[in-house]
């Protein structure tokens, strides 16, 4: 586990204003009739009123960009993933990219960003909702804090 990047994710989420676990990034209803505008950084996301999930927020950070990550159409990825990294990430660029960033197993990343295997995954944590799609910003922060605490023991 990359403790620094997990803590960075926690700090990013604490500053998040428009959290929505269900989408990488979504335009506000007022932009429905205009071309979809994806923010390129967190400040832009907050200014335009778009919402974003955990991965969406991480993909808009300076650290993500400094490590070579991109966020195209609101979806974060590392364009330089190796075949081995893609294999570990079940051939999903976003999972593989976040596996690299957080250094967590692909099944954990898939549960966090897509809700795959949520029922089994959430049993290891306190206070998470029964359904992944009900996760709030505070739930997400708590989950990452618990990950840090569990791996630090």
N, C-alpha and C. Protein backbone atom coordinates (compact mmCIF):
# COMPACT_ATOMS: atom_id res chain seq x y z
N UNK A 1 0.85 -1.17 0.00
CA UNK A 1 0.00 0.00 0.00
C UNK A 1 0.90 1.24 0.00
N UNK A 2 0.52 2.20 -0.82
CA UNK A 2 1.24 3.47 -0.83
C UNK A 2 0.55 4.40 0.16
N UNK A 3 1.10 4.44 1.36
CA UNK A 3 0.48 5.20 2.45
C UNK A 3 0.38 6.69 2.12
N UNK A 4 1.39 7.22 1.46
CA UNK A 4 1.37 8.64 1.11
C UNK A 4 0.22 8.96 0.15
N UNK A 5 0.02 8.10 -0.85
CA UNK A 5 -1.05 8.35 -1.81
C UNK A 5 -2.44 8.08 -1.21
N UNK A 6 -2.51 7.15 -0.26
CA UNK A 6 -3.78 6.94 0.45
C UNK A 6 -4.10 8.18 1.29
N UNK A 7 -3.11 8.68 2.02
CA UNK A 7 -3.34 9.89 2.83
C UNK A 7 -3.67 11.08 1.93
N UNK A 8 -3.01 11.17 0.78
CA UNK A 8 -3.30 12.25 -0.18
C UNK A 8 -4.75 12.15 -0.66
N UNK A 9 -5.21 10.93 -0.87
CA UNK A 9 -6.61 10.72 -1.27
C UNK A 9 -7.55 11.18 -0.17
N UNK A 10 -7.24 10.85 1.08
CA UNK A 10 -8.05 11.30 2.21
C UNK A 10 -8.11 12.83 2.24
N UNK A 11 -6.95 13.46 2.13
CA UNK A 11 -6.90 14.92 2.16
C UNK A 11 -7.68 15.53 1.00
N UNK A 12 -7.58 14.92 -0.17
CA UNK A 12 -8.33 15.39 -1.34
C UNK A 12 -9.82 15.28 -1.09
N UNK A 13 -10.25 14.15 -0.55
CA UNK A 13 -11.68 13.95 -0.28
C UNK A 13 -12.20 14.90 0.79
N UNK A 14 -11.39 15.21 1.77
CA UNK A 14 -11.82 16.15 2.81
C UNK A 14 -12.12 17.52 2.23
N UNK A 15 -11.41 17.89 1.16
CA UNK A 15 -11.62 19.19 0.51
C UNK A 15 -12.70 19.13 -0.57
N UNK A 16 -13.18 17.93 -0.87
CA UNK A 16 -14.17 17.76 -1.95
C UNK A 16 -15.48 18.47 -1.60
N UNK A 17 -16.04 19.14 -2.58
CA UNK A 17 -17.30 19.85 -2.38
C UNK A 17 -18.47 19.19 -3.11
N UNK A 18 -18.19 18.44 -4.15
CA UNK A 18 -19.25 17.90 -5.01
C UNK A 18 -19.07 16.39 -5.21
N UNK A 19 -19.10 15.64 -4.13
CA UNK A 19 -18.84 14.20 -4.19
C UNK A 19 -20.08 13.42 -4.64
N UNK A 20 -19.88 12.50 -5.58
CA UNK A 20 -20.93 11.57 -6.02
C UNK A 20 -20.24 10.27 -6.42
N UNK A 21 -20.39 9.23 -5.63
CA UNK A 21 -19.68 7.96 -5.85
C UNK A 21 -20.04 7.31 -7.19
N UNK A 22 -21.18 7.66 -7.75
CA UNK A 22 -21.69 6.94 -8.91
C UNK A 22 -21.06 7.30 -10.24
N UNK A 23 -20.34 8.40 -10.33
CA UNK A 23 -19.78 8.82 -11.62
C UNK A 23 -18.37 9.36 -11.44
N UNK A 24 -17.53 9.12 -12.46
CA UNK A 24 -16.18 9.69 -12.42
C UNK A 24 -16.27 11.21 -12.37
N UNK A 25 -17.07 11.77 -13.28
CA UNK A 25 -17.33 13.21 -13.27
C UNK A 25 -18.63 13.45 -14.05
N UNK A 26 -19.50 14.28 -13.50
CA UNK A 26 -20.78 14.57 -14.15
C UNK A 26 -21.00 16.07 -14.17
N UNK A 27 -21.49 16.54 -15.31
CA UNK A 27 -21.82 17.95 -15.44
C UNK A 27 -23.06 18.27 -14.62
N UNK A 28 -23.17 19.50 -14.20
CA UNK A 28 -24.35 19.93 -13.45
C UNK A 28 -25.56 19.97 -14.38
N UNK A 29 -26.76 19.84 -13.83
CA UNK A 29 -27.96 19.90 -14.67
C UNK A 29 -28.05 21.16 -15.53
N UNK A 30 -27.49 22.26 -15.07
CA UNK A 30 -27.56 23.50 -15.84
C UNK A 30 -26.75 23.41 -17.13
N UNK A 31 -25.87 22.44 -17.22
CA UNK A 31 -25.03 22.28 -18.42
C UNK A 31 -25.57 21.21 -19.37
N UNK A 32 -26.74 20.65 -19.07
CA UNK A 32 -27.29 19.56 -19.86
C UNK A 32 -27.45 19.93 -21.33
N UNK A 33 -27.86 21.15 -21.59
CA UNK A 33 -28.12 21.55 -22.97
C UNK A 33 -26.91 22.14 -23.67
N UNK A 34 -25.80 22.20 -23.00
CA UNK A 34 -24.56 22.66 -23.62
C UNK A 34 -23.63 21.46 -23.76
N UNK A 35 -22.58 21.60 -24.55
CA UNK A 35 -21.65 20.46 -24.65
C UNK A 35 -21.10 20.09 -23.27
N UNK A 36 -20.89 18.82 -23.05
CA UNK A 36 -20.37 18.37 -21.76
C UNK A 36 -19.00 18.97 -21.53
N UNK A 37 -18.83 19.54 -20.37
CA UNK A 37 -17.56 20.15 -20.01
C UNK A 37 -16.98 19.37 -18.84
N UNK A 38 -15.81 18.82 -19.05
CA UNK A 38 -15.12 18.11 -17.99
C UNK A 38 -14.07 19.02 -17.39
N UNK A 39 -14.06 19.11 -16.07
CA UNK A 39 -13.05 19.91 -15.40
C UNK A 39 -11.69 19.24 -15.55
N UNK A 40 -10.65 20.06 -15.54
CA UNK A 40 -9.29 19.56 -15.65
C UNK A 40 -8.53 19.62 -14.33
N UNK A 41 -9.15 20.22 -13.33
CA UNK A 41 -8.56 20.26 -12.00
C UNK A 41 -9.69 20.42 -10.98
N UNK A 42 -9.36 20.27 -9.72
CA UNK A 42 -10.40 20.30 -8.68
C UNK A 42 -11.03 21.68 -8.57
N UNK A 43 -10.24 22.72 -8.68
CA UNK A 43 -10.81 24.07 -8.62
C UNK A 43 -11.85 24.26 -9.73
N UNK A 44 -11.52 23.82 -10.93
CA UNK A 44 -12.47 23.91 -12.04
C UNK A 44 -13.72 23.08 -11.79
N UNK A 45 -13.55 21.92 -11.19
CA UNK A 45 -14.69 21.07 -10.86
C UNK A 45 -15.64 21.80 -9.92
N UNK A 46 -15.09 22.43 -8.91
CA UNK A 46 -15.91 23.14 -7.94
C UNK A 46 -16.55 24.39 -8.54
N UNK A 47 -15.82 25.10 -9.37
CA UNK A 47 -16.36 26.31 -9.99
C UNK A 47 -17.53 25.99 -10.92
N UNK A 48 -17.37 24.95 -11.76
CA UNK A 48 -18.43 24.65 -12.73
C UNK A 48 -19.56 23.84 -12.10
N UNK A 49 -19.35 23.31 -10.89
CA UNK A 49 -20.41 22.59 -10.21
C UNK A 49 -20.51 21.12 -10.58
N UNK A 50 -19.54 20.59 -11.33
CA UNK A 50 -19.55 19.17 -11.65
C UNK A 50 -19.38 18.35 -10.38
N UNK A 51 -19.83 17.11 -10.42
CA UNK A 51 -19.63 16.18 -9.32
C UNK A 51 -18.58 15.16 -9.73
N UNK A 52 -17.96 14.50 -8.76
CA UNK A 52 -16.97 13.47 -9.06
C UNK A 52 -16.93 12.46 -7.92
N UNK A 53 -16.47 11.25 -8.26
CA UNK A 53 -16.31 10.18 -7.28
C UNK A 53 -14.87 10.20 -6.74
N UNK A 54 -14.51 9.18 -6.00
CA UNK A 54 -13.15 9.07 -5.46
C UNK A 54 -12.13 9.13 -6.58
N UNK A 55 -12.27 8.26 -7.57
CA UNK A 55 -11.32 8.21 -8.67
C UNK A 55 -11.33 9.51 -9.47
N UNK A 56 -12.52 10.08 -9.65
CA UNK A 56 -12.63 11.34 -10.38
C UNK A 56 -11.87 12.46 -9.69
N UNK A 57 -11.99 12.54 -8.37
CA UNK A 57 -11.25 13.56 -7.64
C UNK A 57 -9.74 13.29 -7.71
N UNK A 58 -9.32 12.05 -7.48
CA UNK A 58 -7.90 11.72 -7.53
C UNK A 58 -7.30 12.08 -8.89
N UNK A 59 -8.05 11.77 -9.96
CA UNK A 59 -7.56 12.05 -11.31
C UNK A 59 -7.41 13.51 -11.64
N UNK A 60 -7.98 14.38 -10.84
CA UNK A 60 -7.88 15.83 -11.08
C UNK A 60 -6.79 16.49 -10.24
N UNK A 61 -6.08 15.71 -9.44
CA UNK A 61 -5.07 16.29 -8.55
C UNK A 61 -3.74 16.53 -9.26
N UNK A 62 -2.99 17.44 -8.69
CA UNK A 62 -1.65 17.72 -9.22
C UNK A 62 -0.74 16.51 -9.05
N UNK A 63 -0.87 15.79 -7.95
CA UNK A 63 -0.03 14.60 -7.75
C UNK A 63 -0.26 13.58 -8.86
N UNK A 64 -1.53 13.36 -9.24
CA UNK A 64 -1.84 12.42 -10.32
C UNK A 64 -1.12 12.85 -11.60
N UNK A 65 -1.21 14.13 -11.93
CA UNK A 65 -0.54 14.64 -13.14
C UNK A 65 0.98 14.53 -13.02
N UNK A 66 1.52 14.83 -11.83
CA UNK A 66 2.97 14.75 -11.63
C UNK A 66 3.49 13.33 -11.84
N UNK A 67 2.65 12.34 -11.56
CA UNK A 67 3.04 10.93 -11.74
C UNK A 67 2.77 10.44 -13.16
N UNK A 68 2.30 11.33 -14.03
CA UNK A 68 2.05 10.97 -15.42
C UNK A 68 0.62 10.60 -15.74
N UNK A 69 -0.26 10.77 -14.76
CA UNK A 69 -1.66 10.44 -14.97
C UNK A 69 -2.39 11.50 -15.77
N UNK A 70 -3.45 11.08 -16.41
CA UNK A 70 -4.32 11.98 -17.16
C UNK A 70 -5.75 11.74 -16.67
N UNK A 71 -6.62 12.66 -17.02
CA UNK A 71 -8.03 12.52 -16.70
C UNK A 71 -8.80 12.98 -17.94
N UNK A 72 -9.12 12.03 -18.81
CA UNK A 72 -9.78 12.34 -20.07
C UNK A 72 -11.26 12.03 -19.97
N UNK A 73 -12.08 13.00 -20.31
CA UNK A 73 -13.53 12.90 -20.19
C UNK A 73 -13.94 12.48 -18.78
N UNK A 74 -13.18 12.99 -17.81
CA UNK A 74 -13.48 12.74 -16.41
C UNK A 74 -12.98 11.41 -15.87
N UNK A 75 -12.33 10.58 -16.70
CA UNK A 75 -11.89 9.25 -16.28
C UNK A 75 -10.37 9.22 -16.12
N UNK A 76 -9.89 8.92 -14.91
CA UNK A 76 -8.44 8.92 -14.66
C UNK A 76 -7.76 7.66 -15.15
N UNK A 77 -6.53 7.84 -15.66
CA UNK A 77 -5.72 6.69 -16.04
C UNK A 77 -4.27 7.12 -16.20
N UNK A 78 -3.40 6.12 -16.20
CA UNK A 78 -2.00 6.31 -16.55
C UNK A 78 -1.83 5.75 -17.96
N UNK A 79 -1.48 6.59 -18.93
CA UNK A 79 -1.37 6.11 -20.32
C UNK A 79 -0.21 5.15 -20.55
N UNK A 80 0.74 5.08 -19.63
CA UNK A 80 1.94 4.26 -19.83
C UNK A 80 1.88 2.92 -19.11
N UNK A 81 0.68 2.40 -18.84
CA UNK A 81 0.56 1.12 -18.14
C UNK A 81 1.22 0.00 -18.93
N UNK A 82 1.93 -0.86 -18.24
CA UNK A 82 2.54 -2.02 -18.89
C UNK A 82 1.49 -3.12 -19.05
N UNK A 83 1.79 -4.10 -19.89
CA UNK A 83 0.89 -5.24 -20.05
C UNK A 83 0.67 -5.95 -18.72
N UNK A 84 1.73 -6.05 -17.91
CA UNK A 84 1.62 -6.70 -16.61
C UNK A 84 0.68 -5.93 -15.68
N UNK A 85 0.78 -4.59 -15.68
CA UNK A 85 -0.11 -3.77 -14.85
C UNK A 85 -1.56 -3.91 -15.31
N UNK A 86 -1.76 -3.95 -16.62
CA UNK A 86 -3.12 -4.13 -17.14
C UNK A 86 -3.67 -5.49 -16.75
N UNK A 87 -2.85 -6.49 -16.79
CA UNK A 87 -3.26 -7.84 -16.38
C UNK A 87 -3.69 -7.84 -14.91
N UNK A 88 -2.90 -7.21 -14.05
CA UNK A 88 -3.25 -7.14 -12.62
C UNK A 88 -4.52 -6.33 -12.40
N UNK A 89 -4.81 -5.39 -13.29
CA UNK A 89 -6.00 -4.56 -13.17
C UNK A 89 -7.18 -5.08 -13.97
N UNK A 90 -7.16 -6.38 -14.29
CA UNK A 90 -8.26 -7.01 -15.04
C UNK A 90 -8.52 -6.30 -16.38
N UNK A 91 -7.48 -5.76 -16.96
CA UNK A 91 -7.54 -5.10 -18.28
C UNK A 91 -8.44 -3.87 -18.27
N UNK A 92 -8.66 -3.28 -17.12
CA UNK A 92 -9.41 -2.05 -16.97
C UNK A 92 -8.38 -0.96 -16.65
N UNK A 93 -8.26 0.04 -17.52
CA UNK A 93 -7.23 1.07 -17.35
C UNK A 93 -7.39 1.83 -16.02
N UNK A 94 -8.61 2.12 -15.62
CA UNK A 94 -8.81 2.86 -14.39
C UNK A 94 -8.43 2.03 -13.18
N UNK A 95 -8.85 0.77 -13.15
CA UNK A 95 -8.46 -0.10 -12.03
C UNK A 95 -6.94 -0.23 -11.99
N UNK A 96 -6.33 -0.55 -13.12
CA UNK A 96 -4.88 -0.73 -13.16
C UNK A 96 -4.15 0.54 -12.74
N UNK A 97 -4.66 1.69 -13.14
CA UNK A 97 -4.02 2.96 -12.79
C UNK A 97 -4.10 3.22 -11.29
N UNK A 98 -5.26 2.93 -10.69
CA UNK A 98 -5.41 3.15 -9.25
C UNK A 98 -4.71 2.08 -8.44
N UNK A 99 -4.55 0.88 -8.99
CA UNK A 99 -3.71 -0.13 -8.35
C UNK A 99 -2.30 0.41 -8.23
N UNK A 100 -1.81 1.03 -9.31
CA UNK A 100 -0.47 1.62 -9.27
C UNK A 100 -0.40 2.76 -8.25
N UNK A 101 -1.39 3.63 -8.25
CA UNK A 101 -1.37 4.81 -7.39
C UNK A 101 -1.47 4.44 -5.91
N UNK A 102 -2.43 3.59 -5.57
CA UNK A 102 -2.65 3.24 -4.16
C UNK A 102 -1.84 2.01 -3.73
N UNK A 103 -1.36 1.22 -4.69
CA UNK A 103 -0.68 -0.04 -4.41
C UNK A 103 -1.56 -0.96 -3.57
N UNK A 104 -2.80 -1.07 -4.00
CA UNK A 104 -3.78 -1.98 -3.40
C UNK A 104 -4.13 -3.05 -4.42
N UNK A 105 -4.62 -4.21 -3.98
CA UNK A 105 -5.03 -5.26 -4.92
C UNK A 105 -6.17 -4.79 -5.83
N UNK A 106 -6.22 -5.33 -7.03
CA UNK A 106 -7.24 -4.95 -8.01
C UNK A 106 -8.65 -5.17 -7.49
N UNK A 107 -8.88 -6.24 -6.73
CA UNK A 107 -10.24 -6.49 -6.24
C UNK A 107 -10.66 -5.44 -5.21
N UNK A 108 -9.71 -4.90 -4.46
CA UNK A 108 -10.01 -3.82 -3.52
C UNK A 108 -10.33 -2.55 -4.28
N UNK A 109 -9.52 -2.23 -5.29
CA UNK A 109 -9.75 -1.03 -6.10
C UNK A 109 -11.10 -1.14 -6.82
N UNK A 110 -11.42 -2.31 -7.36
CA UNK A 110 -12.70 -2.50 -8.06
C UNK A 110 -13.88 -2.29 -7.11
N UNK A 111 -13.74 -2.73 -5.88
CA UNK A 111 -14.80 -2.52 -4.89
C UNK A 111 -14.95 -1.03 -4.57
N UNK A 112 -13.82 -0.33 -4.45
CA UNK A 112 -13.85 1.09 -4.10
C UNK A 112 -14.44 1.92 -5.23
N UNK A 113 -14.02 1.69 -6.47
CA UNK A 113 -14.44 2.60 -7.54
C UNK A 113 -15.65 2.13 -8.33
N UNK A 114 -15.96 0.84 -8.33
CA UNK A 114 -17.11 0.33 -9.09
C UNK A 114 -18.15 -0.37 -8.21
N UNK A 115 -17.80 -0.64 -6.96
CA UNK A 115 -18.72 -1.36 -6.09
C UNK A 115 -18.74 -2.86 -6.35
N UNK A 116 -17.78 -3.38 -7.11
CA UNK A 116 -17.73 -4.82 -7.40
C UNK A 116 -17.37 -5.59 -6.14
N UNK A 117 -18.18 -6.55 -5.79
CA UNK A 117 -17.94 -7.34 -4.58
C UNK A 117 -18.12 -6.52 -3.31
N UNK A 118 -18.96 -5.50 -3.37
CA UNK A 118 -19.12 -4.56 -2.26
C UNK A 118 -19.54 -5.24 -0.96
N UNK A 119 -20.51 -6.13 -1.04
CA UNK A 119 -21.04 -6.77 0.18
C UNK A 119 -19.91 -7.45 0.95
N UNK A 120 -19.08 -8.20 0.24
CA UNK A 120 -17.96 -8.90 0.89
C UNK A 120 -16.90 -7.90 1.36
N UNK A 121 -16.60 -6.90 0.52
CA UNK A 121 -15.57 -5.91 0.83
C UNK A 121 -15.92 -5.11 2.08
N UNK A 122 -17.15 -4.64 2.18
CA UNK A 122 -17.53 -3.73 3.26
C UNK A 122 -17.53 -4.39 4.63
N UNK A 123 -17.55 -5.72 4.67
CA UNK A 123 -17.54 -6.43 5.96
C UNK A 123 -16.28 -6.14 6.77
N UNK A 124 -15.21 -5.73 6.09
CA UNK A 124 -13.95 -5.45 6.77
C UNK A 124 -13.90 -4.05 7.37
N UNK A 125 -14.96 -3.27 7.17
CA UNK A 125 -14.96 -1.87 7.61
C UNK A 125 -16.15 -1.57 8.50
N UNK A 126 -16.00 -0.54 9.32
CA UNK A 126 -17.10 -0.08 10.16
C UNK A 126 -17.76 1.12 9.51
N UNK A 127 -19.08 1.15 9.55
CA UNK A 127 -19.81 2.33 9.15
C UNK A 127 -20.04 2.54 7.67
N UNK A 128 -19.74 1.54 6.83
CA UNK A 128 -20.00 1.71 5.40
C UNK A 128 -21.44 1.31 5.10
N UNK A 129 -22.06 1.97 4.12
CA UNK A 129 -23.46 1.67 3.79
C UNK A 129 -23.61 0.29 3.16
N UNK A 130 -24.81 -0.25 3.23
CA UNK A 130 -25.08 -1.56 2.65
C UNK A 130 -24.91 -1.58 1.14
N UNK A 131 -25.24 -0.50 0.49
CA UNK A 131 -25.09 -0.40 -0.96
C UNK A 131 -24.00 0.59 -1.31
N UNK A 132 -23.10 0.20 -2.21
CA UNK A 132 -21.98 1.05 -2.62
C UNK A 132 -22.47 2.40 -3.12
N UNK A 133 -23.57 2.41 -3.87
CA UNK A 133 -24.08 3.65 -4.45
C UNK A 133 -24.58 4.64 -3.40
N UNK A 134 -24.64 4.22 -2.13
CA UNK A 134 -25.05 5.12 -1.06
C UNK A 134 -23.84 5.72 -0.32
N UNK A 135 -22.64 5.43 -0.77
CA UNK A 135 -21.45 5.91 -0.07
C UNK A 135 -21.34 7.43 -0.17
N UNK A 136 -21.13 8.05 0.97
CA UNK A 136 -20.94 9.49 1.04
C UNK A 136 -19.45 9.81 1.10
N UNK A 137 -19.15 11.08 0.99
CA UNK A 137 -17.77 11.54 1.14
C UNK A 137 -17.21 11.11 2.49
N UNK A 138 -17.98 11.27 3.55
CA UNK A 138 -17.50 10.89 4.89
C UNK A 138 -17.27 9.38 4.99
N UNK A 139 -18.13 8.58 4.34
CA UNK A 139 -17.91 7.12 4.30
C UNK A 139 -16.59 6.80 3.60
N UNK A 140 -16.34 7.48 2.49
CA UNK A 140 -15.12 7.24 1.71
C UNK A 140 -13.88 7.60 2.52
N UNK A 141 -13.92 8.74 3.19
CA UNK A 141 -12.79 9.15 4.03
C UNK A 141 -12.56 8.12 5.13
N UNK A 142 -13.62 7.70 5.80
CA UNK A 142 -13.51 6.71 6.86
C UNK A 142 -12.92 5.40 6.34
N UNK A 143 -13.37 4.97 5.16
CA UNK A 143 -12.87 3.73 4.57
C UNK A 143 -11.36 3.80 4.36
N UNK A 144 -10.87 4.90 3.79
CA UNK A 144 -9.43 5.04 3.55
C UNK A 144 -8.66 5.16 4.87
N UNK A 145 -9.24 5.85 5.85
CA UNK A 145 -8.58 5.94 7.16
C UNK A 145 -8.49 4.55 7.80
N UNK A 146 -9.54 3.75 7.66
CA UNK A 146 -9.50 2.38 8.19
C UNK A 146 -8.49 1.52 7.45
N UNK A 147 -8.36 1.72 6.14
CA UNK A 147 -7.34 1.00 5.37
C UNK A 147 -5.95 1.31 5.92
N UNK A 148 -5.69 2.59 6.14
CA UNK A 148 -4.39 2.99 6.69
C UNK A 148 -4.15 2.37 8.07
N UNK A 149 -5.15 2.42 8.92
CA UNK A 149 -5.02 1.87 10.27
C UNK A 149 -4.80 0.37 10.25
N UNK A 150 -5.53 -0.34 9.39
CA UNK A 150 -5.41 -1.80 9.33
C UNK A 150 -4.05 -2.23 8.79
N UNK A 151 -3.56 -1.52 7.80
CA UNK A 151 -2.26 -1.88 7.20
C UNK A 151 -1.11 -1.41 8.05
N UNK A 152 -1.39 -0.51 9.00
CA UNK A 152 -0.32 0.00 9.86
C UNK A 152 -0.08 -0.85 11.08
N UNK A 153 -0.97 -1.81 11.31
CA UNK A 153 -0.85 -2.65 12.52
C UNK A 153 0.24 -3.68 12.37
